[in-house]
Amino acid sequence: MKNEIQNFTENEYTELLNTAKAQINAARNAIAVHVNSTANSTYWNLGKLLHEKKIEGGYGGNVIDRLSVDLKQSFPDMGLSPRNLWNMKLFYERYIDSDKKLLQAVAVLQWRTKYERI
C-alpha cells in the first residue's frame, strides 16, 4: 500500500516527508528564538524594575524572597527563585551601559544557569 499512495514512488514520498520535517524543524527553531528573546526581555525588564526600586541586600532580601514566593504562585514554571531575581537585577546592571550591538547580542543569549533545567 505504501507504493500505491496517489502514484507516489517511495523516493517521492521520502522527499515529501523530509521537506515537511525540515519545515517543521525550521518553524520550531524560529519559535524557540522568539521565545528566548522575549524571555530575555522579560528578565531585563524585571532586573530594571528591581534596580529602579533600589532593592539591595539586607532588608531587600526579604522583599526579593516574598516577591519570589508571590510570583511563583502565578508563574510556577518560570524559574523565579530569589537567586534568579537577584541575577536578573545583576544582568540589567551589568549591561545597562553597554552599546546597542552588545545589548542586541545579549537579547539572544540563552538565560539559564548550569543548575536550572530548560
Protein backbone atom coordinates (compact mmCIF):
# COMPACT_ATOMS: atom_id res chain seq x y z
CA MET A 1 0.00 0.00 0.00
CA LYS A 2 2.94 2.37 0.63
CA ASN A 3 3.82 2.39 -3.07
CA GLU A 4 0.20 3.00 -4.12
CA ILE A 5 -0.36 6.33 -2.33
CA GLN A 6 -1.54 8.52 -5.22
CA ASN A 7 1.09 7.08 -7.53
CA PHE A 8 3.95 8.38 -5.37
CA THR A 9 7.11 6.41 -5.62
CA GLU A 10 8.94 5.62 -2.43
CA ASN A 11 11.59 8.22 -3.31
CA GLU A 12 8.96 10.92 -3.95
CA TYR A 13 7.27 10.16 -0.66
CA THR A 14 10.60 10.24 1.21
CA GLU A 15 11.35 13.63 -0.35
CA LEU A 16 7.90 14.90 0.68
CA LEU A 17 8.37 13.62 4.23
CA ASN A 18 11.86 15.13 4.54
CA THR A 19 10.66 18.51 3.24
CA ALA A 20 7.77 18.52 5.72
CA LYS A 21 10.13 17.63 8.58
CA ALA A 22 12.54 20.40 7.55
CA GLN A 23 9.73 22.97 7.53
CA ILE A 24 8.50 21.87 10.96
CA ASN A 25 12.04 22.00 12.37
CA ALA A 26 12.61 25.47 10.89
CA ALA A 27 9.35 26.68 12.46
CA ARG A 28 10.29 25.17 15.83
CA ASN A 29 13.69 26.86 15.73
CA ALA A 30 12.12 30.22 14.84
CA ILE A 31 9.65 29.86 17.72
CA ALA A 32 12.45 28.95 20.14
CA VAL A 33 14.47 32.01 19.12
CA HIS A 34 11.43 34.26 19.53
CA VAL A 35 10.51 32.77 22.91
CA ASN A 36 14.11 33.07 24.13
CA SER A 37 14.33 36.70 23.02
CA THR A 38 11.01 37.51 24.71
CA ALA A 39 12.11 35.75 27.90
CA ASN A 40 15.35 37.74 27.93
CA SER A 41 13.37 40.96 27.50
CA THR A 42 11.22 39.96 30.45
CA TYR A 43 14.27 39.19 32.60
CA TRP A 44 15.81 42.51 31.54
CA ASN A 45 12.64 44.39 32.49
CA LEU A 46 12.37 42.62 35.85
CA GLY A 47 16.02 43.42 36.55
CA LYS A 48 15.38 47.04 35.62
CA LEU A 49 12.37 47.15 37.94
CA LEU A 50 14.42 45.79 40.85
CA HIS A 51 17.24 48.21 40.08
CA GLU A 52 14.90 51.22 39.89
CA LYS A 53 13.29 50.25 43.21
CA LYS A 54 16.82 50.27 44.66
CA ILE A 55 16.42 46.82 46.16
CA GLU A 56 19.71 45.79 47.75
CA GLY A 57 20.83 43.08 50.17
CA GLY A 58 19.73 43.17 53.80
CA TYR A 59 16.07 44.18 54.03
CA GLY A 60 15.87 43.97 50.24
CA GLY A 61 16.48 40.26 50.60
CA ASN A 62 13.16 39.93 52.40
CA VAL A 63 11.45 41.80 49.58
CA ILE A 64 13.05 39.52 46.98
CA ASP A 65 12.12 36.40 48.97
CA ARG A 66 8.49 37.49 49.23
CA LEU A 67 8.38 38.61 45.60
CA SER A 68 9.73 35.22 44.55
CA VAL A 69 7.07 33.33 46.51
CA ASP A 70 4.25 35.51 45.16
CA LEU A 71 5.46 35.40 41.55
CA LYS A 72 5.93 31.62 41.67
CA GLN A 73 2.28 31.24 42.68
CA SER A 74 1.25 32.95 39.44
CA PHE A 75 4.07 31.61 37.25
CA PRO A 76 5.22 28.27 38.72
CA ASP A 77 7.24 27.15 35.68
CA MET A 78 9.18 30.35 35.14
CA GLY A 79 12.17 29.95 37.49
CA LEU A 80 11.57 32.99 39.66
CA SER A 81 13.67 31.93 42.63
CA PRO A 82 15.29 34.62 44.81
CA ARG A 83 18.65 33.78 43.23
CA ASN A 84 17.25 34.26 39.74
CA LEU A 85 15.63 37.56 40.69
CA TRP A 86 18.96 38.81 42.03
CA ASN A 87 20.62 37.57 38.82
CA MET A 88 18.07 39.49 36.72
CA LYS A 89 18.96 42.66 38.62
CA LEU A 90 22.67 41.97 38.15
CA PHE A 91 22.08 41.19 34.45
CA TYR A 92 20.42 44.57 34.00
CA GLU A 93 23.07 46.45 35.98
CA ARG A 94 25.93 44.75 34.19
CA TYR A 95 24.70 45.57 30.67
CA ILE A 96 22.74 48.83 31.06
CA ASP A 97 25.67 50.99 29.93
CA SER A 98 26.69 48.71 27.07
CA ASP A 99 26.48 49.77 23.48
CA LYS A 100 23.49 48.88 21.33
CA LYS A 101 25.18 45.98 19.48
CA LEU A 102 26.10 44.25 22.73
CA LEU A 103 22.58 44.69 24.11
CA GLN A 104 21.18 43.10 20.93
CA ALA A 105 23.59 40.18 21.31
CA VAL A 106 22.68 39.75 24.98
CA ALA A 107 19.00 39.65 23.98
CA VAL A 108 19.51 36.38 22.09
CA LEU A 109 21.64 34.61 24.70
CA GLN A 110 20.09 31.68 26.48
CA TRP A 111 19.04 32.55 30.02
CA ARG A 112 19.84 29.78 32.45
CA THR A 113 22.41 28.70 34.91
CA LYS A 114 24.07 25.32 34.97
CA TYR A 115 21.73 24.40 37.84
CA GLU A 116 18.46 25.05 36.05
CA ARG A 117 16.62 22.77 33.75
CA ILE A 118 15.33 24.06 30.44
